[in-house]
């Protein structure tokens, strides 16, 4: 199932609000929760590096995987 969640993501002192749909799966040991939280570096005041021979994109994701057990 998916569960909508709102929160804040702080990087480099900037804290924009984020909204994601967490994927929740019941397992024999507990619950697994996963999601890829979209990330734009400029939203956090971070300039994507460009070294000429290699360049970092401004957009990406932070992947989260939680194994919750009792």
PDB file of N, CA and C in Angstrom:
ATOM      1  N   UNK A   1       0.839  -1.165   0.000  1.00  0.00           N
ATOM      2  CA  UNK A   1       0.000   0.000   0.000  1.00  0.00           C
ATOM      3  C   UNK A   1       0.887   1.232   0.000  1.00  0.00           C
ATOM      4  N   UNK A   2       0.346   2.372  -0.356  1.00  0.00           N
ATOM      5  CA  UNK A   2       1.094   3.630  -0.275  1.00  0.00           C
ATOM      6  C   UNK A   2       0.459   4.518   0.785  1.00  0.00           C
ATOM      7  N   UNK A   3       1.319   5.266   1.452  1.00  0.00           N
ATOM      8  CA  UNK A   3       0.882   6.170   2.517  1.00  0.00           C
ATOM      9  C   UNK A   3       1.440   7.552   2.219  1.00  0.00           C
ATOM     10  N   UNK A   4       0.554   8.561   2.017  1.00  0.00           N
ATOM     11  CA  UNK A   4       1.056   9.916   1.783  1.00  0.00           C
ATOM     12  C   UNK A   4       1.639  10.504   3.072  1.00  0.00           C
ATOM     13  N   UNK A   5       2.818  11.127   2.934  1.00  0.00           N
ATOM     14  CA  UNK A   5       3.512  11.699   4.088  1.00  0.00           C
ATOM     15  C   UNK A   5       4.047  13.073   3.708  1.00  0.00           C
ATOM     16  N   UNK A   6       3.883  14.039   4.612  1.00  0.00           N
ATOM     17  CA  UNK A   6       4.450  15.381   4.433  1.00  0.00           C
ATOM     18  C   UNK A   6       5.520  15.582   5.493  1.00  0.00           C
ATOM     19  N   UNK A   7       6.569  16.296   5.132  1.00  0.00           N
ATOM     20  CA  UNK A   7       7.637  16.552   6.090  1.00  0.00           C
ATOM     21  C   UNK A   7       8.573  17.622   5.583  1.00  0.00           C
ATOM     22  N   UNK A   8       9.730  17.708   6.200  1.00  0.00           N
ATOM     23  CA  UNK A   8      10.743  18.685   5.827  1.00  0.00           C
ATOM     24  C   UNK A   8      12.056  17.964   5.567  1.00  0.00           C
ATOM     25  N   UNK A   9      12.815  18.461   4.596  1.00  0.00           N
ATOM     26  CA  UNK A   9      14.120  17.900   4.261  1.00  0.00           C
ATOM     27  C   UNK A   9      15.154  19.011   4.366  1.00  0.00           C
ATOM     28  N   UNK A  10      16.076  18.884   5.316  1.00  0.00           N
ATOM     29  CA  UNK A  10      17.087  19.912   5.533  1.00  0.00           C
ATOM     30  C   UNK A  10      18.422  19.492   4.937  1.00  0.00           C
ATOM     31  N   UNK A  11      18.937  20.337   4.048  1.00  0.00           N
ATOM     32  CA  UNK A  11      20.276  20.179   3.486  1.00  0.00           C
ATOM     33  C   UNK A  11      20.892  21.567   3.396  1.00  0.00           C
ATOM     34  N   UNK A  12      22.123  21.698   3.838  1.00  0.00           N
ATOM     35  CA  UNK A  12      22.866  22.957   3.762  1.00  0.00           C
ATOM     36  C   UNK A  12      22.081  24.120   4.378  1.00  0.00           C
ATOM     37  N   UNK A  13      21.339  23.843   5.456  1.00  0.00           N
ATOM     38  CA  UNK A  13      20.618  24.897   6.169  1.00  0.00           C
ATOM     39  C   UNK A  13      19.304  25.325   5.547  1.00  0.00           C
ATOM     40  N   UNK A  14      18.923  24.748   4.423  1.00  0.00           N
ATOM     41  CA  UNK A  14      17.640  25.047   3.774  1.00  0.00           C
ATOM     42  C   UNK A  14      16.676  23.904   4.067  1.00  0.00           C
ATOM     43  N   UNK A  15      15.405  24.263   4.390  1.00  0.00           N
ATOM     44  CA  UNK A  15      14.431  23.263   4.795  1.00  0.00           C
ATOM     45  C   UNK A  15      13.110  23.421   4.054  1.00  0.00           C
ATOM     46  N   UNK A  16      13.044  23.002   2.784  1.00  0.00           N
ATOM     47  CA  UNK A  16      11.755  23.039   2.098  1.00  0.00           C
ATOM     48  C   UNK A  16      10.868  21.875   2.549  1.00  0.00           C
ATOM     49  N   UNK A  17       9.563  22.055   2.424  1.00  0.00           N
ATOM     50  CA  UNK A  17       8.627  20.978   2.727  1.00  0.00           C
ATOM     51  C   UNK A  17       8.617  19.991   1.571  1.00  0.00           C
ATOM     52  N   UNK A  18       8.444  18.707   1.898  1.00  0.00           N
ATOM     53  CA  UNK A  18       8.347  17.667   0.878  1.00  0.00           C
ATOM     54  C   UNK A  18       7.108  16.829   1.146  1.00  0.00           C
ATOM     55  N   UNK A  19       6.535  16.299   0.084  1.00  0.00           N
ATOM     56  CA  UNK A  19       5.410  15.378   0.188  1.00  0.00           C
ATOM     57  C   UNK A  19       5.724  14.172  -0.686  1.00  0.00           C
ATOM     58  N   UNK A  20       5.624  12.980  -0.101  1.00  0.00           N
ATOM     59  CA  UNK A  20       5.915  11.751  -0.825  1.00  0.00           C
ATOM     60  C   UNK A  20       4.860  10.705  -0.495  1.00  0.00           C
ATOM     61  N   UNK A  21       4.776   9.703  -1.338  1.00  0.00           N
ATOM     62  CA  UNK A  21       3.929   8.547  -1.090  1.00  0.00           C
ATOM     63  C   UNK A  21       4.834   7.371  -0.742  1.00  0.00           C
ATOM     64  N   UNK A  22       4.871   7.011   0.546  1.00  0.00           N
ATOM     65  CA  UNK A  22       5.706   5.907   0.990  1.00  0.00           C
ATOM     66  C   UNK A  22       5.083   4.581   0.577  1.00  0.00           C
ATOM     67  N   UNK A  23       5.921   3.666   0.118  1.00  0.00           N
ATOM     68  CA  UNK A  23       5.480   2.311  -0.179  1.00  0.00           C
ATOM     69  C   UNK A  23       5.664   1.486   1.088  1.00  0.00           C
ATOM     70  N   UNK A  24       4.586   0.868   1.560  1.00  0.00           N
ATOM     71  CA  UNK A  24       4.621   0.104   2.807  1.00  0.00           C
ATOM     72  C   UNK A  24       4.228  -1.340   2.505  1.00  0.00           C
ATOM     73  N   UNK A  25       5.096  -2.286   2.908  1.00  0.00           N
ATOM     74  CA  UNK A  25       4.854  -3.703   2.664  1.00  0.00           C
ATOM     75  C   UNK A  25       5.014  -4.470   3.971  1.00  0.00           C
ATOM     76  N   UNK A  26       4.018  -5.271   4.323  1.00  0.00           N
ATOM     77  CA  UNK A  26       4.125  -6.116   5.516  1.00  0.00           C
ATOM     78  C   UNK A  26       4.968  -7.342   5.180  1.00  0.00           C
ATOM     79  N   UNK A  27       5.918  -7.667   6.057  1.00  0.00           N
ATOM     80  CA  UNK A  27       6.790  -8.821   5.874  1.00  0.00           C
ATOM     81  C   UNK A  27       6.593  -9.774   7.058  1.00  0.00           C
ATOM     82  N   UNK A  28       7.130 -10.982   6.999  1.00  0.00           N
ATOM     83  CA  UNK A  28       7.024 -11.893   8.146  1.00  0.00           C
ATOM     84  C   UNK A  28       7.673 -11.334   9.417  1.00  0.00           C
ATOM     85  N   UNK A  29       8.682 -10.460   9.259  1.00  0.00           N
ATOM     86  CA  UNK A  29       9.391  -9.898  10.419  1.00  0.00           C
ATOM     87  C   UNK A  29       8.850  -8.551  10.875  1.00  0.00           C
ATOM     88  N   UNK A  30       8.033  -7.877  10.066  1.00  0.00           N
ATOM     89  CA  UNK A  30       7.548  -6.539  10.424  1.00  0.00           C
ATOM     90  C   UNK A  30       7.013  -5.814   9.215  1.00  0.00           C
ATOM     91  N   UNK A  31       7.589  -4.641   8.945  1.00  0.00           N
ATOM     92  CA  UNK A  31       7.126  -3.795   7.844  1.00  0.00           C
ATOM     93  C   UNK A  31       8.338  -3.188   7.146  1.00  0.00           C
ATOM     94  N   UNK A  32       8.301  -3.150   5.811  1.00  0.00           N
ATOM     95  CA  UNK A  32       9.315  -2.446   5.028  1.00  0.00           C
ATOM     96  C   UNK A  32       8.683  -1.184   4.455  1.00  0.00           C
ATOM     97  N   UNK A  33       9.394  -0.078   4.579  1.00  0.00           N
ATOM     98  CA  UNK A  33       8.937   1.210   4.058  1.00  0.00           C
ATOM     99  C   UNK A  33      10.011   1.711   3.094  1.00  0.00           C
ATOM    100  N   UNK A  34       9.593   2.130   1.888  1.00  0.00           N
ATOM    101  CA  UNK A  34      10.574   2.626   0.926  1.00  0.00           C
ATOM    102  C   UNK A  34      10.006   3.787   0.124  1.00  0.00           C
ATOM    103  N   UNK A  35      10.914   4.595  -0.399  1.00  0.00           N
ATOM    104  CA  UNK A  35      10.541   5.732  -1.251  1.00  0.00           C
ATOM    105  C   UNK A  35      11.809   6.365  -1.787  1.00  0.00           C
ATOM    106  N   UNK A  36      11.676   7.022  -2.918  1.00  0.00           N
ATOM    107  CA  UNK A  36      12.732   7.857  -3.462  1.00  0.00           C
ATOM    108  C   UNK A  36      12.223   9.296  -3.380  1.00  0.00           C
ATOM    109  N   UNK A  37      12.814  10.084  -2.499  1.00  0.00           N
ATOM    110  CA  UNK A  37      12.395  11.471  -2.283  1.00  0.00           C
ATOM    111  C   UNK A  37      13.079  12.353  -3.323  1.00  0.00           C
ATOM    112  N   UNK A  38      12.301  13.022  -4.183  1.00  0.00           N
ATOM    113  CA  UNK A  38      12.907  13.891  -5.191  1.00  0.00           C
ATOM    114  C   UNK A  38      13.710  15.023  -4.536  1.00  0.00           C
ATOM    115  N   UNK A  39      14.823  15.375  -5.164  1.00  0.00           N
ATOM    116  CA  UNK A  39      15.710  16.394  -4.611  1.00  0.00           C
ATOM    117  C   UNK A  39      16.197  17.303  -5.723  1.00  0.00           C
ATOM    118  N   UNK A  40      16.061  18.600  -5.501  1.00  0.00           N
ATOM    119  CA  UNK A  40      16.637  19.603  -6.397  1.00  0.00           C
ATOM    120  C   UNK A  40      17.645  20.396  -5.580  1.00  0.00           C
ATOM    121  N   UNK A  41      18.915  20.320  -5.963  1.00  0.00           N
ATOM    122  CA  UNK A  41      19.974  20.976  -5.190  1.00  0.00           C
ATOM    123  C   UNK A  41      19.727  22.473  -5.020  1.00  0.00           C
ATOM    124  N   UNK A  42      19.231  23.145  -6.058  1.00  0.00           N
ATOM    125  CA  UNK A  42      19.002  24.592  -5.994  1.00  0.00           C
ATOM    126  C   UNK A  42      17.991  24.953  -4.905  1.00  0.00           C
ATOM    127  N   UNK A  43      17.055  24.045  -4.591  1.00  0.00           N
ATOM    128  CA  UNK A  43      16.082  24.309  -3.521  1.00  0.00           C
ATOM    129  C   UNK A  43      16.753  24.426  -2.169  1.00  0.00           C
ATOM    130  N   UNK A  44      17.982  23.928  -2.058  1.00  0.00           N
ATOM    131  CA  UNK A  44      18.731  23.960  -0.804  1.00  0.00           C
ATOM    132  C   UNK A  44      19.908  24.927  -0.876  1.00  0.00           C
ATOM    133  N   UNK A  45      19.932  25.743  -1.923  1.00  0.00           N
ATOM    134  CA  UNK A  45      21.010  26.707  -2.069  1.00  0.00           C
ATOM    135  C   UNK A  45      22.338  26.075  -2.456  1.00  0.00           C
ATOM    136  N   UNK A  46      22.308  24.871  -3.037  1.00  0.00           N
ATOM    137  CA  UNK A  46      23.521  24.165  -3.431  1.00  0.00           C
ATOM    138  C   UNK A  46      23.662  24.248  -4.945  1.00  0.00           C
ATOM    139  N   UNK A  47      24.817  24.707  -5.397  1.00  0.00           N
ATOM    140  CA  UNK A  47      25.082  24.763  -6.832  1.00  0.00           C
ATOM    141  C   UNK A  47      25.699  23.440  -7.272  1.00  0.00           C
ATOM    142  N   UNK A  48      25.107  22.826  -8.283  1.00  0.00           N
ATOM    143  CA  UNK A  48      25.613  21.545  -8.782  1.00  0.00           C
ATOM    144  C   UNK A  48      27.006  21.744  -9.369  1.00  0.00           C
ATOM    145  N   UNK A  49      27.987  20.945  -8.963  1.00  0.00           N
ATOM    146  CA  UNK A  49      29.352  21.100  -9.465  1.00  0.00           C
ATOM    147  C   UNK A  49      29.461  20.818 -10.963  1.00  0.00           C
ATOM    148  N   UNK A  50      30.301  21.569 -11.628  1.00  0.00           N
ATOM    149  CA  UNK A  50      30.616  21.342 -13.041  1.00  0.00           C
ATOM    150  C   UNK A  50      32.125  21.513 -13.168  1.00  0.00           C
ATOM    151  N   UNK A  51      32.830  20.395 -13.294  1.00  0.00           N
ATOM    152  CA  UNK A  51      34.289  20.425 -13.360  1.00  0.00           C
ATOM    153  C   UNK A  51      34.804  20.404 -14.795  1.00  0.00           C
ATOM    154  N   UNK A  52      33.905  20.547 -15.758  1.00  0.00           N
ATOM    155  CA  UNK A  52      34.304  20.510 -17.151  1.00  0.00           C
ATOM    156  C   UNK A  52      34.247  19.104 -17.710  1.00  0.00           C
ATOM    157  N   UNK A  53      35.024  18.184 -17.124  1.00  0.00           N
ATOM    158  CA  UNK A  53      35.038  16.803 -17.587  1.00  0.00           C
ATOM    159  C   UNK A  53      33.941  15.955 -16.931  1.00  0.00           C
ATOM    160  N   UNK A  54      33.369  16.468 -15.853  1.00  0.00           N
ATOM    161  CA  UNK A  54      32.261  15.787 -15.184  1.00  0.00           C
ATOM    162  C   UNK A  54      31.303  16.839 -14.646  1.00  0.00           C
ATOM    163  N   UNK A  55      30.016  16.568 -14.776  1.00  0.00           N
ATOM    164  CA  UNK A  55      28.993  17.517 -14.348  1.00  0.00           C
ATOM    165  C   UNK A  55      27.950  16.779 -13.515  1.00  0.00           C
ATOM    166  N   UNK A  56      27.471  17.405 -12.450  1.00  0.00           N
ATOM    167  CA  UNK A  56      26.441  16.836 -11.592  1.00  0.00           C
ATOM    168  C   UNK A  56      25.112  17.488 -11.943  1.00  0.00           C
ATOM    169  N   UNK A  57      24.084  16.676 -12.128  1.00  0.00           N
ATOM    170  CA  UNK A  57      22.752  17.198 -12.415  1.00  0.00           C
ATOM    171  C   UNK A  57      22.178  17.867 -11.170  1.00  0.00           C
ATOM    172  N   UNK A  58      21.314  18.863 -11.365  1.00  0.00           N
ATOM    173  CA  UNK A  58      20.678  19.579 -10.262  1.00  0.00           C
ATOM    174  C   UNK A  58      19.566  18.755  -9.626  1.00  0.00           C
ATOM    175  N   UNK A  59      18.995  17.808 -10.377  1.00  0.00           N
ATOM    176  CA  UNK A  59      17.882  16.999  -9.878  1.00  0.00           C
ATOM    177  C   UNK A  59      18.330  15.580  -9.603  1.00  0.00           C
ATOM    178  N   UNK A  60      17.775  14.994  -8.552  1.00  0.00           N
ATOM    179  CA  UNK A  60      18.071  13.606  -8.210  1.00  0.00           C
ATOM    180  C   UNK A  60      17.063  13.115  -7.196  1.00  0.00           C
ATOM    181  N   UNK A  61      17.453  12.137  -6.411  1.00  0.00           N
ATOM    182  CA  UNK A  61      16.561  11.580  -5.395  1.00  0.00           C
ATOM    183  C   UNK A  61      17.379  11.024  -4.238  1.00  0.00           C
ATOM    184  N   UNK A  62      16.767  11.046  -3.076  1.00  0.00           N
ATOM    185  CA  UNK A  62      17.325  10.383  -1.900  1.00  0.00           C
ATOM    186  C   UNK A  62      16.471   9.140  -1.686  1.00  0.00           C
ATOM    187  N   UNK A  63      17.096   7.972  -1.784  1.00  0.00           N
ATOM    188  CA  UNK A  63      16.359   6.724  -1.638  1.00  0.00           C
ATOM    189  C   UNK A  63      16.360   6.292  -0.166  1.00  0.00           C
ATOM    190  N   UNK A  64      15.170   5.896   0.307  1.00  0.00           N
ATOM    191  CA  UNK A  64      14.990   5.510   1.707  1.00  0.00           C
ATOM    192  C   UNK A  64      14.429   4.089   1.750  1.00  0.00           C
ATOM    193  N   UNK A  65      15.021   3.251   2.594  1.00  0.00           N
ATOM    194  CA  UNK A  65      14.486   1.910   2.827  1.00  0.00           C
ATOM    195  C   UNK A  65      14.598   1.625   4.325  1.00  0.00           C
ATOM    196  N   UNK A  66      13.460   1.412   4.968  1.00  0.00           N
ATOM    197  CA  UNK A  66      13.413   1.123   6.392  1.00  0.00           C
ATOM    198  C   UNK A  66      12.864  -0.285   6.597  1.00  0.00           C
ATOM    199  N   UNK A  67      13.536  -1.089   7.427  1.00  0.00           N
ATOM    200  CA  UNK A  67      13.038  -2.397   7.829  1.00  0.00           C
ATOM    201  C   UNK A  67      12.605  -2.240   9.285  1.00  0.00           C
ATOM    202  N   UNK A  68      11.322  -2.226   9.541  1.00  0.00           N
ATOM    203  CA  UNK A  68      10.794  -2.026  10.898  1.00  0.00           C
ATOM    204  C   UNK A  68      10.391  -3.365  11.486  1.00  0.00           C
ATOM    205  N   UNK A  69      10.953  -3.707  12.639  1.00  0.00           N
ATOM    206  CA  UNK A  69      10.632  -4.955  13.316  1.00  0.00           C
ATOM    207  C   UNK A  69      10.364  -4.684  14.783  1.00  0.00           C
ATOM    208  N   UNK A  70       9.754  -5.658  15.439  1.00  0.00           N
ATOM    209  CA  UNK A  70       9.512  -5.512  16.874  1.00  0.00           C
ATOM    210  C   UNK A  70      10.621  -6.141  17.662  1.00  0.00           C
TER     211      UNK A  70
END
